[in-house]
């Protein structure tokens, strides 16, 4: 995983977590609350995976120029 992809996943995970927390007060049934709990756990797992990807991903190398490129 490159660092750019990890950053994108981190932003997606944070956005999904915010949306899930905003919707949470409107939930009234126990089944929906359980589903929201699973969604929050999935968002936290995505954020953790992206953070590990940012920390341990190799540095991105710029493209090499071929012969004749200027």
N, C-alpha and C. Protein backbone atom coordinates (compact mmCIF):
# COMPACT_ATOMS: atom_id res chain seq x y z
N UNK A 1 0.86 -1.18 0.00
CA UNK A 1 0.00 0.00 0.00
C UNK A 1 0.90 1.23 0.00
N UNK A 2 0.68 2.13 -0.91
CA UNK A 2 1.48 3.33 -0.92
C UNK A 2 0.89 4.34 0.05
N UNK A 3 1.65 5.33 0.36
CA UNK A 3 1.19 6.32 1.33
C UNK A 3 0.00 7.12 0.81
N UNK A 4 -0.04 7.36 -0.49
CA UNK A 4 -1.16 8.12 -1.04
C UNK A 4 -2.46 7.35 -0.88
N UNK A 5 -2.42 6.06 -1.17
CA UNK A 5 -3.62 5.23 -1.00
C UNK A 5 -4.02 5.16 0.46
N UNK A 6 -3.03 5.08 1.35
CA UNK A 6 -3.33 5.02 2.77
C UNK A 6 -3.98 6.32 3.25
N UNK A 7 -3.52 7.44 2.72
CA UNK A 7 -4.13 8.72 3.09
C UNK A 7 -5.58 8.80 2.62
N UNK A 8 -5.84 8.31 1.42
CA UNK A 8 -7.21 8.30 0.90
C UNK A 8 -8.09 7.41 1.77
N UNK A 9 -7.62 6.23 2.12
CA UNK A 9 -8.38 5.34 2.99
C UNK A 9 -8.63 5.96 4.36
N UNK A 10 -7.66 6.68 4.88
CA UNK A 10 -7.83 7.35 6.17
C UNK A 10 -8.94 8.40 6.09
N UNK A 11 -8.94 9.18 5.04
CA UNK A 11 -9.98 10.20 4.88
C UNK A 11 -11.36 9.57 4.71
N UNK A 12 -11.44 8.48 3.96
CA UNK A 12 -12.72 7.80 3.77
C UNK A 12 -13.20 7.24 5.11
N UNK A 13 -12.31 6.62 5.87
CA UNK A 13 -12.68 6.05 7.16
C UNK A 13 -13.17 7.10 8.13
N UNK A 14 -12.51 8.24 8.17
CA UNK A 14 -12.94 9.32 9.05
C UNK A 14 -14.29 9.87 8.62
N UNK A 15 -14.49 10.02 7.33
CA UNK A 15 -15.78 10.51 6.82
C UNK A 15 -16.92 9.56 7.14
N UNK A 16 -16.69 8.27 6.95
CA UNK A 16 -17.73 7.29 7.26
C UNK A 16 -18.03 7.25 8.75
N UNK A 17 -17.00 7.39 9.58
CA UNK A 17 -17.20 7.39 11.03
C UNK A 17 -18.03 8.60 11.46
N UNK A 18 -17.74 9.76 10.89
CA UNK A 18 -18.51 10.96 11.22
C UNK A 18 -19.96 10.80 10.80
N UNK A 19 -20.18 10.25 9.60
CA UNK A 19 -21.57 10.04 9.16
C UNK A 19 -22.30 9.06 10.07
N UNK A 20 -21.63 8.01 10.46
CA UNK A 20 -22.26 7.02 11.33
C UNK A 20 -22.60 7.62 12.69
N UNK A 21 -21.72 8.46 13.22
CA UNK A 21 -21.99 9.08 14.51
C UNK A 21 -23.09 10.14 14.42
N UNK A 22 -23.23 10.80 13.27
CA UNK A 22 -24.29 11.77 13.10
C UNK A 22 -25.66 11.11 13.00
N UNK A 23 -25.71 9.93 12.39
CA UNK A 23 -26.97 9.21 12.22
C UNK A 23 -27.38 8.51 13.51
N UNK A 24 -26.44 8.20 14.37
CA UNK A 24 -26.69 7.40 15.57
C UNK A 24 -27.86 7.90 16.44
N UNK A 25 -28.04 9.19 16.70
CA UNK A 25 -29.16 9.62 17.56
C UNK A 25 -30.54 9.33 16.97
N UNK A 26 -30.64 9.15 15.66
CA UNK A 26 -31.94 8.91 15.03
C UNK A 26 -32.34 7.44 15.04
N UNK A 27 -31.45 6.57 15.47
CA UNK A 27 -31.72 5.14 15.46
C UNK A 27 -32.62 4.78 16.64
N UNK A 28 -33.68 4.00 16.36
CA UNK A 28 -34.62 3.66 17.42
C UNK A 28 -34.77 2.16 17.64
N UNK A 29 -34.42 1.32 16.70
CA UNK A 29 -34.60 -0.12 16.87
C UNK A 29 -33.28 -0.77 17.29
N UNK A 30 -33.34 -1.84 18.07
CA UNK A 30 -32.11 -2.51 18.49
C UNK A 30 -31.31 -3.10 17.33
N UNK A 31 -32.02 -3.56 16.29
CA UNK A 31 -31.31 -4.14 15.14
C UNK A 31 -30.50 -3.06 14.41
N UNK A 32 -31.08 -1.89 14.27
CA UNK A 32 -30.36 -0.80 13.61
C UNK A 32 -29.18 -0.33 14.46
N UNK A 33 -29.35 -0.34 15.78
CA UNK A 33 -28.25 0.06 16.67
C UNK A 33 -27.10 -0.94 16.55
N UNK A 34 -27.41 -2.23 16.44
CA UNK A 34 -26.37 -3.23 16.28
C UNK A 34 -25.65 -3.04 14.95
N UNK A 35 -26.40 -2.75 13.90
CA UNK A 35 -25.78 -2.49 12.61
C UNK A 35 -24.89 -1.27 12.64
N UNK A 36 -25.31 -0.25 13.36
CA UNK A 36 -24.49 0.95 13.48
C UNK A 36 -23.23 0.66 14.29
N UNK A 37 -23.35 -0.17 15.30
CA UNK A 37 -22.16 -0.56 16.06
C UNK A 37 -21.15 -1.28 15.17
N UNK A 38 -21.64 -2.19 14.31
CA UNK A 38 -20.74 -2.87 13.38
C UNK A 38 -20.11 -1.88 12.39
N UNK A 39 -20.88 -0.90 11.95
CA UNK A 39 -20.34 0.10 11.03
C UNK A 39 -19.23 0.92 11.69
N UNK A 40 -19.44 1.28 12.95
CA UNK A 40 -18.42 2.05 13.67
C UNK A 40 -17.15 1.21 13.84
N UNK A 41 -17.31 -0.06 14.18
CA UNK A 41 -16.14 -0.94 14.31
C UNK A 41 -15.40 -1.07 12.99
N UNK A 42 -16.15 -1.19 11.89
CA UNK A 42 -15.52 -1.29 10.57
C UNK A 42 -14.77 0.00 10.22
N UNK A 43 -15.35 1.14 10.56
CA UNK A 43 -14.68 2.42 10.29
C UNK A 43 -13.39 2.54 11.10
N UNK A 44 -13.43 2.13 12.36
CA UNK A 44 -12.23 2.19 13.19
C UNK A 44 -11.16 1.24 12.68
N UNK A 45 -11.56 0.06 12.19
CA UNK A 45 -10.60 -0.87 11.60
C UNK A 45 -9.97 -0.28 10.34
N UNK A 46 -10.78 0.39 9.52
CA UNK A 46 -10.26 1.04 8.31
C UNK A 46 -9.28 2.14 8.66
N UNK A 47 -9.61 2.94 9.66
CA UNK A 47 -8.72 4.02 10.09
C UNK A 47 -7.41 3.45 10.62
N UNK A 48 -7.48 2.38 11.41
CA UNK A 48 -6.28 1.76 11.95
C UNK A 48 -5.40 1.18 10.83
N UNK A 49 -6.02 0.52 9.87
CA UNK A 49 -5.28 -0.04 8.74
C UNK A 49 -4.59 1.06 7.93
N UNK A 50 -5.31 2.15 7.69
CA UNK A 50 -4.72 3.26 6.93
C UNK A 50 -3.58 3.91 7.70
N UNK A 51 -3.74 4.06 9.02
CA UNK A 51 -2.66 4.65 9.83
C UNK A 51 -1.41 3.77 9.80
N UNK A 52 -1.60 2.45 9.88
CA UNK A 52 -0.46 1.55 9.77
C UNK A 52 0.17 1.61 8.38
N UNK A 53 -0.67 1.77 7.36
CA UNK A 53 -0.15 1.91 6.00
C UNK A 53 0.68 3.17 5.83
N UNK A 54 0.24 4.25 6.44
CA UNK A 54 1.01 5.50 6.36
C UNK A 54 2.34 5.35 7.09
N UNK A 55 2.31 4.68 8.23
CA UNK A 55 3.53 4.56 9.03
C UNK A 55 4.56 3.63 8.40
N UNK A 56 4.11 2.49 7.86
CA UNK A 56 5.04 1.47 7.42
C UNK A 56 5.18 1.35 5.90
N UNK A 57 4.46 2.13 5.12
CA UNK A 57 4.56 2.04 3.66
C UNK A 57 5.91 2.57 3.21
N UNK A 58 6.46 1.98 2.15
CA UNK A 58 7.73 2.50 1.63
C UNK A 58 7.52 3.87 0.99
N UNK A 59 8.59 4.64 0.98
CA UNK A 59 8.51 5.96 0.35
C UNK A 59 8.23 5.80 -1.13
N UNK A 60 7.43 6.71 -1.65
CA UNK A 60 7.09 6.65 -3.07
C UNK A 60 8.26 7.18 -3.90
N UNK A 61 8.58 6.43 -4.94
CA UNK A 61 9.68 6.80 -5.81
C UNK A 61 9.12 7.52 -7.03
N UNK A 62 9.71 8.65 -7.41
CA UNK A 62 9.26 9.30 -8.63
C UNK A 62 9.60 8.42 -9.84
N UNK A 63 8.83 8.57 -10.89
CA UNK A 63 9.05 7.76 -12.09
C UNK A 63 10.40 8.01 -12.70
N UNK A 64 10.99 6.95 -13.20
CA UNK A 64 12.29 7.08 -13.84
C UNK A 64 12.11 7.56 -15.28
N UNK A 65 13.01 8.37 -15.75
CA UNK A 65 12.95 8.84 -17.12
C UNK A 65 13.58 7.81 -18.05
N UNK A 66 12.93 7.61 -19.18
CA UNK A 66 13.48 6.70 -20.18
C UNK A 66 14.38 7.48 -21.13
N UNK A 67 15.13 6.75 -21.91
CA UNK A 67 15.99 7.40 -22.90
C UNK A 67 15.14 8.19 -23.88
N UNK A 68 15.49 9.42 -24.12
CA UNK A 68 14.76 10.25 -25.07
C UNK A 68 13.72 11.13 -24.41
N UNK A 69 13.37 10.88 -23.15
CA UNK A 69 12.42 11.77 -22.46
C UNK A 69 13.12 13.01 -22.00
N UNK A 70 12.40 14.13 -22.07
CA UNK A 70 13.01 15.38 -21.62
C UNK A 70 12.17 16.04 -20.58
